[in-house]
Amino acid sequence: MNKETLKNLTHAHAWLGLIISGVLMIVFVCGSISFFRHNITQWDSQYHAPAAASGEVVPVSTILDNIAAQNFAIPAHHNLLIALPSAEQPYYYTAFETETADGHHVDHQLNFDAVTGQQLPFDLDTFYLSDMLYNLHISLLLPYGTEIVGVITLLFFVMVMSGLCMVLKKMISHFYQYRTNRNKDTYLDGHTLIGVSSLPFTFVFALTGVMFNLSIVLQAGFGFAVFKGDIPALIQTAGFFQFPQVEYSGNAVNNSQVDVILKKTQTQYPNQAIKIINIYGAGDENGEVEVRLHEQNSLVPTTYLTYKLKDASFIDEYNSKQAPTAATYTVLSNLHFGEFGGITLKFVYFILGFSCCYLILSGNLIWLEKRENNRQQSKRGLAFVKAMTLALSTGTLIAVACSFIGARLTPISWDRTELLPTLFFCAIGVSLLHAIFNSMQRQRVRLAMVQQLFVAALLFTICPIYDLINTIFGHTTHSYQLLDVVLVNAMLLVVAGFCFTLAQYKRRGLVKNSAFDDTPKPILE
């Protein structure tokens, strides 16, 4: 690659990174934490969740009878989902939609005691923290946010490829190089080291991010171009699972056939766990039952079995391995979420995700270092970039910590779907104002970063300390939630330790003459 091409590529890489860095920071911070999404839900609900009942588990038909007794108007083509009790969730969880007279759909999520079959006064929807963090990751909680994040991940993919081209020639010889005498070199070497080390991770995440967030746009374009707008035909050709299409016959059928189906499935597939069943046309003789089997530690973990409800006769078996397109999509999805590797892989992904946050931060700092001594560079422009970098790095951490505190300390009666997003964006707003105020005074920018890191460290320790105090004073966490509570509190303390260590490092002035330094720099070196 000649020098001119390399120079243009470097400029494009730097400017693209600067433009998308704010959104990308939120996406990676919230995405990294969302690897523990299920654990966070259990942590969030630990003071309100039902205890695990002891005794024989009632059959699924009992739960269906209890739902039917409430006369919910569930459309035939809509599913009634039932998650079976497990060691991690010792109660029945059900979800379905009803249809009102004017055609509107209403979501319902009901939980039932696994031993008595009675409905529990416990709603997982109340505990919104994990869902909020995940929704921030995929859509920023904004209108058309999914498409925005899709475009950002597409640009991120371009950045990954351009960055690889930039360091390709010296990737091996300079891999272990880490200079500490100048801050620009320190940031650049750290940026290169982590970028190359995490390349498989960033490549997969950039690729799958585009796949998830722009799939609807790509699917619509391809469907209209090739299949003349027939999207179901496109899905069928690609080999994805086809959900049952059922029409009510008006003839009732006994729900006990569902129990027969589950026993038959457990006998035929002893090495796979039944996680979920979906019933289409519940209580009707035309109804169909979809049973989802889960194979542990597999990149293609789910097998779908379909049965007739009236006589438990077998209809079809589906696994995405049967279709190359569907199998590829499933493998990439599981590589993105890391479900196939258990807790260990999630921690590896968590560390790699925060490493990407350092990539974003160090990239901005390199850009600032190069322009700090340029007389023609707008000082207000530099101040804005400094403020944005500060607010969307340490500010995002503060916002996440505030969200955890809000979830833990606010009364259960408060609407958390409104409260937690408000807390998150207000925290970022306050951090941005604090950063802007200090960025106008060059001497105080570095101090502002140290202050925000100390605040973030303090906020991240509040929830673990609160839980510890409650444990000392007699609160006992349910056994099925204990691992989740310990895991999430440990994660919070790890992030707090990172923030505190970095704040101490910055405060001692170990990194000098950086973009956040308070000493004037000479125009020429």
Foldseek 3Di string as FASTA:
>chain_A
DDPVVLVVLVVLLLVLLLVLLLLLLLLLQLLLLLLLLVLLLLLLCQVPDDFQDDDAFDDPLLLLVVVVVVVAAAALQWKWKWFAADLLRRWIWIWGWGADPVGDIDIDIWIAHRHPRHTDPDDSVLQCLSVVSVCCNQAVPDVLSLVVQLVSLLSLLVSLVSLCVSCVVPCVVLLPPADQPAPLSNLVNLLSNLSVVCSVVSNLQSVVSNCVSCVVVVLQVCCCVPVVRPSVVVCVVQPDDDRDDFDAPPAFARQCLVVVLVVVVCVVCVQWDFGMKIWRNPRGQRIKIWTWTAHALDLQGTKIWMAGRRHRHTDDIDTLVVGPSSSVSSNSVCSSSVRRPPPVSSVVSSVSSVSVSSSSLSSLQSVLLVCVLPPPDDLLVSLLSLLSSLLSRLLQLLLSLQLSCCSRPDDSPDRSVPVSVVSNVVSSVVSSVLSSVQSVQLACNLVSSLVSLLSSLVSLQPVVVVVVVVVVVPDDGHPSSVVSNVVVNVVSNVSSVVSNVVSVCSVVPSHAPTSSHNDDDHSPD
